[in-house]
Amino acid sequence: MRGRNFLFPLLLLWVSALLTLPRFSEAAGVRTVCLVSPALPWTFGPYQSQMHTLSLLLHARGFKVYFMIHVKANSMPAGLYRSWHEMQAVLPHMVPPPADYLGDHILGYIG
């Protein structure tokens, strides 16, 4: 139950951000979004799958897409990682994406 209590406010924040995002991003002429997920988008799980699908849809609509992995014990140092290769340098036990993974549209991973 404790996990659900944590995820509900995060879900509300995410939905409200998506509803207001077009207003702010289009006003500035930039369409950029950072999706927050509990794990890397190519790992198995319903949230990861949904976020990856959402990232593909947003990219198709012209958004620049970034990912931020949000977990309580995030061991990824702060910074912008342009590829999974850069992340693997600081997370040597990270599982690489599968060969058929569609991830070229993701501009970076924020630590």
C-alpha atoms as a PDB file:
ATOM      1  CA  MET A   1       0.000   0.000   0.000  1.00  0.00           C
ATOM      2  CA  ARG A   2       2.828   2.384   0.730  1.00  0.00           C
ATOM      3  CA  GLY A   3       4.031   2.292  -2.894  1.00  0.00           C
ATOM      4  CA  ARG A   4       0.581   3.190  -4.193  1.00  0.00           C
ATOM      5  CA  ASN A   5       0.405   6.196  -1.865  1.00  0.00           C
ATOM      6  CA  PHE A   6       3.670   7.440  -3.360  1.00  0.00           C
ATOM      7  CA  LEU A   7       2.682   6.841  -6.996  1.00  0.00           C
ATOM      8  CA  PHE A   8      -0.716   8.546  -6.933  1.00  0.00           C
ATOM      9  CA  PRO A   9       0.595  12.111  -6.318  1.00  0.00           C
ATOM     10  CA  LEU A  10       3.315  11.470  -8.898  1.00  0.00           C
ATOM     11  CA  LEU A  11       0.663  10.396 -11.412  1.00  0.00           C
ATOM     12  CA  LEU A  12      -1.406  13.518 -10.710  1.00  0.00           C
ATOM     13  CA  LEU A  13       1.651  15.708 -11.179  1.00  0.00           C
ATOM     14  CA  TRP A  14       2.493  13.941 -14.427  1.00  0.00           C
ATOM     15  CA  VAL A  15      -1.041  14.337 -15.834  1.00  0.00           C
ATOM     16  CA  SER A  16      -1.218  18.011 -14.869  1.00  0.00           C
ATOM     17  CA  ALA A  17       2.186  18.601 -16.447  1.00  0.00           C
ATOM     18  CA  LEU A  18       1.049  16.987 -19.697  1.00  0.00           C
ATOM     19  CA  LEU A  19      -2.094  19.122 -19.732  1.00  0.00           C
ATOM     20  CA  THR A  20      -0.161  22.373 -19.299  1.00  0.00           C
ATOM     21  CA  LEU A  21       2.958  21.440 -21.274  1.00  0.00           C
ATOM     22  CA  PRO A  22       1.714  22.519 -24.718  1.00  0.00           C
ATOM     23  CA  ARG A  23       0.849  25.974 -23.407  1.00  0.00           C
ATOM     24  CA  PHE A  24       4.324  26.650 -22.006  1.00  0.00           C
ATOM     25  CA  SER A  25       6.443  24.846 -24.574  1.00  0.00           C
ATOM     26  CA  GLU A  26       4.685  26.287 -27.622  1.00  0.00           C
ATOM     27  CA  ALA A  27       4.763  29.808 -26.185  1.00  0.00           C
ATOM     28  CA  ALA A  28       8.540  29.620 -26.013  1.00  0.00           C
ATOM     29  CA  GLY A  29       8.783  27.948 -29.426  1.00  0.00           C
ATOM     30  CA  VAL A  30      10.390  24.886 -27.878  1.00  0.00           C
ATOM     31  CA  ARG A  31       8.638  21.565 -27.410  1.00  0.00           C
ATOM     32  CA  THR A  32      10.671  19.624 -24.874  1.00  0.00           C
ATOM     33  CA  VAL A  33       9.511  17.049 -22.361  1.00  0.00           C
ATOM     34  CA  CYS A  34      11.274  15.049 -19.655  1.00  0.00           C
ATOM     35  CA  LEU A  35       9.504  11.817 -18.790  1.00  0.00           C
ATOM     36  CA  VAL A  36      10.031  10.493 -15.276  1.00  0.00           C
ATOM     37  CA  SER A  37      10.050   6.736 -14.914  1.00  0.00           C
ATOM     38  CA  PRO A  38      10.880   4.329 -12.073  1.00  0.00           C
ATOM     39  CA  ALA A  39      13.409   2.500 -14.295  1.00  0.00           C
ATOM     40  CA  LEU A  40      15.116   2.664 -17.654  1.00  0.00           C
ATOM     41  CA  PRO A  41      12.591   2.655 -20.525  1.00  0.00           C
ATOM     42  CA  TRP A  42      13.898  -0.582 -22.053  1.00  0.00           C
ATOM     43  CA  THR A  43      13.592  -2.651 -18.887  1.00  0.00           C
ATOM     44  CA  PHE A  44      10.545  -4.847 -18.370  1.00  0.00           C
ATOM     45  CA  GLY A  45       7.575  -3.342 -16.583  1.00  0.00           C
ATOM     46  CA  PRO A  46       4.230  -1.661 -17.265  1.00  0.00           C
ATOM     47  CA  TYR A  47       5.433   1.848 -16.381  1.00  0.00           C
ATOM     48  CA  GLN A  48       8.508   1.515 -18.550  1.00  0.00           C
ATOM     49  CA  SER A  49       6.463   0.237 -21.482  1.00  0.00           C
ATOM     50  CA  GLN A  50       3.915   3.043 -21.124  1.00  0.00           C
ATOM     51  CA  MET A  51       6.625   5.686 -20.862  1.00  0.00           C
ATOM     52  CA  HIS A  52       8.439   4.333 -23.901  1.00  0.00           C
ATOM     53  CA  THR A  53       5.219   4.347 -25.939  1.00  0.00           C
ATOM     54  CA  LEU A  54       4.445   7.869 -24.716  1.00  0.00           C
ATOM     55  CA  SER A  55       7.957   9.004 -25.680  1.00  0.00           C
ATOM     56  CA  LEU A  56       7.469   7.656 -29.221  1.00  0.00           C
ATOM     57  CA  LEU A  57       4.108   9.436 -29.538  1.00  0.00           C
ATOM     58  CA  LEU A  58       5.483  12.737 -28.223  1.00  0.00           C
ATOM     59  CA  HIS A  59       8.486  12.487 -30.538  1.00  0.00           C
ATOM     60  CA  ALA A  60       6.128  11.912 -33.487  1.00  0.00           C
ATOM     61  CA  ARG A  61       4.340  15.153 -32.487  1.00  0.00           C
ATOM     62  CA  GLY A  62       7.609  17.121 -32.565  1.00  0.00           C
ATOM     63  CA  PHE A  63       8.703  17.021 -28.928  1.00  0.00           C
ATOM     64  CA  LYS A  64      12.323  16.684 -27.858  1.00  0.00           C
ATOM     65  CA  VAL A  65      12.275  13.784 -25.383  1.00  0.00           C
ATOM     66  CA  TYR A  66      14.447  13.245 -22.304  1.00  0.00           C
ATOM     67  CA  PHE A  67      14.154  10.631 -19.562  1.00  0.00           C
ATOM     68  CA  MET A  68      14.753  10.930 -15.843  1.00  0.00           C
ATOM     69  CA  ILE A  69      14.923   7.751 -13.814  1.00  0.00           C
ATOM     70  CA  HIS A  70      13.340   8.479 -10.458  1.00  0.00           C
ATOM     71  CA  VAL A  71      13.860   5.997  -7.664  1.00  0.00           C
ATOM     72  CA  LYS A  72      14.493   6.576  -3.992  1.00  0.00           C
ATOM     73  CA  ALA A  73      18.011   5.139  -4.162  1.00  0.00           C
ATOM     74  CA  ASN A  74      19.022   6.634  -7.523  1.00  0.00           C
ATOM     75  CA  SER A  75      22.717   5.918  -7.836  1.00  0.00           C
ATOM     76  CA  MET A  76      23.180   7.755 -11.127  1.00  0.00           C
ATOM     77  CA  PRO A  77      25.264  10.901 -10.574  1.00  0.00           C
ATOM     78  CA  ALA A  78      23.716  14.220 -11.577  1.00  0.00           C
ATOM     79  CA  GLY A  79      24.240  15.108 -15.204  1.00  0.00           C
ATOM     80  CA  LEU A  80      22.995  14.595 -18.737  1.00  0.00           C
ATOM     81  CA  TYR A  81      23.825  11.292 -20.383  1.00  0.00           C
ATOM     82  CA  ARG A  82      23.396  11.318 -24.176  1.00  0.00           C
ATOM     83  CA  SER A  83      23.345   7.535 -24.560  1.00  0.00           C
ATOM     84  CA  TRP A  84      23.136   4.319 -22.588  1.00  0.00           C
ATOM     85  CA  HIS A  85      26.886   3.925 -23.222  1.00  0.00           C
ATOM     86  CA  GLU A  86      27.561   7.058 -21.153  1.00  0.00           C
ATOM     87  CA  MET A  87      25.326   5.758 -18.351  1.00  0.00           C
ATOM     88  CA  GLN A  88      27.053   2.391 -18.391  1.00  0.00           C
ATOM     89  CA  ALA A  89      30.331   4.124 -17.538  1.00  0.00           C
ATOM     90  CA  VAL A  90      28.867   5.142 -14.151  1.00  0.00           C
ATOM     91  CA  LEU A  91      26.475   2.183 -13.770  1.00  0.00           C
ATOM     92  CA  PRO A  92      28.534  -0.841 -14.828  1.00  0.00           C
ATOM     93  CA  HIS A  93      25.788  -3.356 -13.891  1.00  0.00           C
ATOM     94  CA  MET A  94      23.155  -1.619 -16.009  1.00  0.00           C
ATOM     95  CA  VAL A  95      21.308  -3.856 -18.452  1.00  0.00           C
ATOM     96  CA  PRO A  96      21.852  -2.563 -22.005  1.00  0.00           C
ATOM     97  CA  PRO A  97      18.835  -2.100 -24.270  1.00  0.00           C
ATOM     98  CA  PRO A  98      17.889  -4.957 -26.608  1.00  0.00           C
ATOM     99  CA  ALA A  99      19.184  -4.799 -30.176  1.00  0.00           C
ATOM    100  CA  ASP A 100      15.712  -3.981 -31.575  1.00  0.00           C
ATOM    101  CA  TYR A 101      14.966  -1.228 -29.024  1.00  0.00           C
ATOM    102  CA  LEU A 102      13.698   2.018 -30.571  1.00  0.00           C
ATOM    103  CA  GLY A 103      15.534   4.656 -28.557  1.00  0.00           C
ATOM    104  CA  ASP A 104      17.223   6.992 -31.036  1.00  0.00           C
ATOM    105  CA  HIS A 105      14.531   9.630 -30.435  1.00  0.00           C
ATOM    106  CA  ILE A 106      15.575  10.037 -26.768  1.00  0.00           C
ATOM    107  CA  LEU A 107      17.986  12.976 -26.609  1.00  0.00           C
ATOM    108  CA  GLY A 108      19.304  12.182 -23.146  1.00  0.00           C
ATOM    109  CA  TYR A 109      18.912  10.674 -19.717  1.00  0.00           C
ATOM    110  CA  ILE A 110      19.022  13.045 -16.763  1.00  0.00           C
ATOM    111  CA  GLY A 111      20.714  11.901 -13.574  1.00  0.00           C
END
